[in-house]
N, C-alpha and C. Protein backbone atom coordinates (compact mmCIF):
# COMPACT_ATOMS: atom_id res chain seq x y z
N MET A 1 -125.14 -77.29 10.71
CA MET A 1 -125.68 -78.17 9.20
C MET A 1 -127.25 -79.03 9.60
N ILE A 2 -127.89 -78.52 8.99
CA ILE A 2 -128.99 -79.09 9.06
C ILE A 2 -129.11 -80.73 8.20
N VAL A 3 -129.75 -81.20 8.74
CA VAL A 3 -130.06 -83.18 8.02
C VAL A 3 -131.93 -83.35 8.66
N TYR A 4 -131.89 -84.43 8.56
CA TYR A 4 -133.16 -84.84 8.21
C TYR A 4 -133.53 -85.94 8.59
N VAL A 5 -134.03 -86.03 9.52
CA VAL A 5 -133.87 -87.43 9.84
C VAL A 5 -135.81 -88.25 9.93
N ALA A 6 -135.32 -89.29 9.02
CA ALA A 6 -136.66 -90.15 9.15
C ALA A 6 -136.57 -91.19 10.39
N ILE A 7 -138.36 -91.16 10.72
CA ILE A 7 -137.59 -92.09 12.15
C ILE A 7 -139.12 -93.08 12.06
N VAL A 8 -139.04 -94.92 12.25
CA VAL A 8 -139.71 -95.57 11.90
C VAL A 8 -140.26 -95.78 13.07
N ALA A 9 -141.09 -96.06 13.52
CA ALA A 9 -141.93 -96.26 15.07
C ALA A 9 -142.52 -97.68 14.81
N ASP A 10 -142.23 -98.96 14.54
CA ASP A 10 -142.52 -99.96 14.81
C ASP A 10 -142.69 -100.82 15.99
N ARG A 11 -144.29 -101.44 16.26
CA ARG A 11 -144.38 -101.85 17.82
C ARG A 11 -143.39 -103.15 17.21
N HIS A 12 -143.24 -104.14 16.08
CA HIS A 12 -142.70 -105.19 15.65
C HIS A 12 -141.01 -104.60 16.22
N THR A 13 -140.18 -103.80 15.81
CA THR A 13 -138.76 -103.11 15.91
C THR A 13 -138.37 -102.33 16.55
N ASP A 14 -137.34 -102.12 16.46
CA ASP A 14 -137.21 -100.88 17.43
C ASP A 14 -136.66 -99.49 16.97
N THR A 15 -137.50 -98.82 16.97
CA THR A 15 -137.40 -97.44 16.63
C THR A 15 -135.94 -96.94 15.74
N GLU A 16 -136.32 -96.71 14.51
CA GLU A 16 -135.01 -96.46 13.51
C GLU A 16 -134.77 -94.67 13.38
N PRO A 17 -133.50 -94.12 13.51
CA PRO A 17 -133.57 -93.40 12.61
C PRO A 17 -133.03 -93.16 11.46
N TYR A 18 -133.17 -92.69 10.45
CA TYR A 18 -132.85 -92.46 9.12
C TYR A 18 -132.28 -91.44 8.46
N VAL A 19 -130.91 -91.13 8.02
CA VAL A 19 -130.92 -89.47 8.59
C VAL A 19 -130.61 -89.42 6.74
N PHE A 20 -130.87 -88.10 6.32
CA PHE A 20 -130.83 -87.57 5.18
C PHE A 20 -129.83 -86.07 5.01
N SER A 21 -129.71 -85.74 3.76
CA SER A 21 -129.13 -84.33 3.24
C SER A 21 -130.21 -83.51 2.97
N THR A 22 -131.13 -84.01 2.70
CA THR A 22 -132.33 -83.41 2.30
C THR A 22 -134.14 -83.86 2.74
N ALA A 23 -134.58 -82.79 2.96
CA ALA A 23 -135.82 -83.02 3.19
C ALA A 23 -136.76 -83.41 2.49
N GLU A 24 -136.43 -83.73 1.23
CA GLU A 24 -137.33 -84.88 -0.11
C GLU A 24 -136.76 -86.10 0.10
N ALA A 25 -135.40 -86.42 0.26
CA ALA A 25 -134.85 -87.65 0.28
C ALA A 25 -135.73 -88.34 1.57
N ALA A 26 -135.77 -87.42 2.37
CA ALA A 26 -136.42 -87.83 4.25
C ALA A 26 -137.55 -88.30 3.67
N ILE A 27 -138.54 -87.47 2.69
CA ILE A 27 -140.01 -87.39 2.80
C ILE A 27 -139.93 -88.87 2.14
N LYS A 28 -139.66 -88.96 0.80
CA LYS A 28 -138.93 -89.90 0.09
C LYS A 28 -139.32 -91.30 0.96
N TYR A 29 -138.37 -91.02 1.54
CA TYR A 29 -137.96 -92.75 2.25
C TYR A 29 -139.20 -92.66 3.27
N ALA A 30 -139.57 -91.90 3.94
CA ALA A 30 -140.89 -92.02 4.80
C ALA A 30 -141.96 -92.40 4.38
N ARG A 31 -141.92 -91.95 2.51
CA ARG A 31 -143.52 -92.81 2.01
C ARG A 31 -143.70 -94.11 2.03
N HIS A 32 -142.38 -94.12 1.12
CA HIS A 32 -142.27 -95.80 1.12
C HIS A 32 -141.93 -97.06 1.93
N ALA A 33 -141.35 -96.63 3.33
CA ALA A 33 -141.37 -96.81 4.79
C ALA A 33 -143.04 -96.76 4.67
N VAL A 34 -144.07 -96.29 4.74
CA VAL A 34 -145.36 -96.33 5.47
C VAL A 34 -146.20 -97.19 4.18
N VAL A 35 -145.98 -97.47 2.93
CA VAL A 35 -146.23 -98.03 2.45
C VAL A 35 -145.92 -99.92 2.25
N ASP A 36 -144.52 -99.82 2.39
CA ASP A 36 -143.66 -100.99 3.00
C ASP A 36 -144.48 -101.95 4.27
N ASN A 37 -144.85 -101.15 4.69
CA ASN A 37 -145.24 -101.91 6.43
C ASN A 37 -146.97 -101.61 6.73
N ALA A 38 -147.16 -100.86 6.23
CA ALA A 38 -148.83 -101.24 5.91
C ALA A 38 -149.64 -102.17 5.49
N SER A 39 -150.61 -102.69 6.62
CA SER A 39 -150.86 -104.02 5.71
C SER A 39 -151.71 -104.07 4.82
N SER A 40 -152.75 -102.72 4.34
CA SER A 40 -153.61 -101.88 3.79
C SER A 40 -153.36 -101.02 3.19
N PRO A 41 -153.17 -100.15 2.19
CA PRO A 41 -153.24 -99.05 1.97
C PRO A 41 -154.56 -98.04 2.53
N SER A 42 -155.32 -98.81 3.27
CA SER A 42 -156.31 -98.00 3.93
C SER A 42 -155.58 -97.67 5.27
N ASP A 43 -155.47 -98.21 5.77
CA ASP A 43 -154.20 -97.95 7.09
C ASP A 43 -153.89 -96.79 7.36
N ILE A 44 -153.28 -96.64 6.06
CA ILE A 44 -152.34 -95.30 6.10
C ILE A 44 -153.18 -94.18 6.55
N GLU A 45 -152.95 -93.18 7.26
CA GLU A 45 -153.33 -92.33 7.62
C GLU A 45 -152.31 -90.63 7.89
N GLU A 46 -152.19 -89.88 6.65
CA GLU A 46 -150.93 -88.72 7.46
C GLU A 46 -151.76 -87.57 8.13
N GLU A 47 -151.05 -86.99 8.55
CA GLU A 47 -151.80 -85.65 9.52
C GLU A 47 -150.42 -84.63 8.94
N THR A 48 -151.02 -83.50 9.56
CA THR A 48 -150.10 -82.57 10.11
C THR A 48 -149.46 -82.34 10.67
N MET A 49 -148.34 -82.32 11.09
CA MET A 49 -147.87 -82.02 12.89
C MET A 49 -147.13 -80.75 12.96
N VAL A 50 -147.11 -79.94 14.10
CA VAL A 50 -146.91 -78.76 13.94
C VAL A 50 -145.17 -78.80 14.46
N GLY A 51 -144.58 -78.13 13.65
CA GLY A 51 -143.01 -78.51 13.22
C GLY A 51 -142.17 -79.74 12.99
N TRP A 52 -143.10 -80.63 12.42
CA TRP A 52 -142.67 -81.82 11.83
C TRP A 52 -142.93 -81.64 10.37
N LEU A 53 -142.33 -82.36 9.11
CA LEU A 53 -142.21 -82.25 7.66
C LEU A 53 -143.44 -83.34 7.54
N PHE A 54 -143.25 -84.24 8.07
CA PHE A 54 -143.97 -85.29 7.61
C PHE A 54 -144.38 -86.31 8.88
N TYR A 55 -145.51 -86.77 8.59
CA TYR A 55 -145.99 -87.66 9.83
C TYR A 55 -146.78 -88.99 9.07
N ALA A 56 -146.68 -89.80 9.26
CA ALA A 56 -147.91 -90.50 8.42
C ALA A 56 -148.30 -91.88 9.62
N ARG A 57 -149.13 -92.25 9.79
CA ARG A 57 -149.69 -93.59 10.78
C ARG A 57 -150.13 -94.80 9.80
N TYR A 58 -149.51 -95.93 10.31
CA TYR A 58 -149.76 -97.91 9.11
C TYR A 58 -150.49 -98.08 9.44
N SER A 59 -150.73 -98.02 11.14
CA SER A 59 -151.79 -99.25 11.69
C SER A 59 -152.36 -98.27 12.76
N GLU A 60 -153.66 -99.48 12.99
CA GLU A 60 -154.33 -98.50 13.89
C GLU A 60 -154.10 -98.90 15.27
N GLU A 61 -152.72 -99.64 15.53
CA GLU A 61 -151.76 -99.74 16.83
C GLU A 61 -150.98 -98.54 16.79
N GLY A 62 -150.85 -97.18 16.11
CA GLY A 62 -149.99 -96.37 16.36
C GLY A 62 -148.55 -96.68 15.83
N ASP A 63 -148.49 -97.58 14.75
CA ASP A 63 -147.10 -97.44 14.22
C ASP A 63 -147.19 -96.52 13.14
N ALA A 64 -145.84 -95.74 13.49
CA ALA A 64 -145.87 -94.32 12.12
C ALA A 64 -144.49 -94.71 11.97
N VAL A 65 -144.45 -93.05 10.61
CA VAL A 65 -142.95 -92.70 10.20
C VAL A 65 -143.51 -91.54 10.68
N TRP A 66 -142.44 -90.37 10.95
CA TRP A 66 -142.56 -88.67 10.81
C TRP A 66 -141.08 -88.58 10.30
N VAL A 67 -141.12 -87.29 9.90
CA VAL A 67 -139.85 -86.63 9.64
C VAL A 67 -139.72 -85.52 10.17
N ILE A 68 -138.41 -85.23 10.77
CA ILE A 68 -138.23 -84.23 11.57
C ILE A 68 -137.02 -83.42 11.17
N GLU A 69 -136.37 -82.02 11.19
CA GLU A 69 -135.15 -81.24 10.74
C GLU A 69 -134.50 -81.22 12.06
N LYS A 70 -133.28 -81.53 12.11
CA LYS A 70 -132.44 -81.75 13.09
C LYS A 70 -131.47 -80.91 12.64
N GLU A 71 -130.39 -79.98 13.75
CA GLU A 71 -129.49 -78.88 13.70
C GLU A 71 -128.01 -79.87 13.78
N ILE A 72 -127.44 -80.35 13.47
CA ILE A 72 -126.03 -81.35 13.53
C ILE A 72 -125.18 -80.13 14.33
N ASP A 73 -124.27 -80.54 15.77
CA ASP A 73 -123.78 -79.48 16.49
C ASP A 73 -124.28 -78.12 16.73
N ASN A 74 -125.83 -77.84 17.43
CA ASN A 74 -126.40 -77.03 17.58
C ASN A 74 -125.70 -75.94 18.58
N PRO A 75 -124.78 -75.17 18.24
CA PRO A 75 -124.10 -74.10 19.00
C PRO A 75 -124.98 -73.66 20.54
N GLU A 76 -126.44 -73.81 20.17
CA GLU A 76 -127.34 -73.41 21.50
C GLU A 76 -126.74 -74.61 22.73
N TYR A 77 -126.21 -75.89 22.16
CA TYR A 77 -126.25 -77.04 23.57
C TYR A 77 -124.92 -77.37 23.57
N GLU A 78 -124.07 -76.48 23.32
CA GLU A 78 -122.62 -76.78 23.82
C GLU A 78 -122.24 -76.33 24.66
N SER A 79 -121.45 -76.70 25.75
CA SER A 79 -120.90 -76.21 26.52
C SER A 79 -119.94 -75.71 26.34
């Protein structure tokens, strides 16, 4: 089963993962988190990262949100 994880990495809080069943829902959440946490819209910078579905920084200090795809119970890692 594939899930989509939005990760919020803010220097003022613990890094938090949020899990979604669709990429669209995860990216929508990530975009809202960026806007909610940015001091100013001019602080927001989206970038393309290889292997990631979404990435945006919202501060000069590196606070960011990204979305990745992960497989639950990946048989490759079962012993």
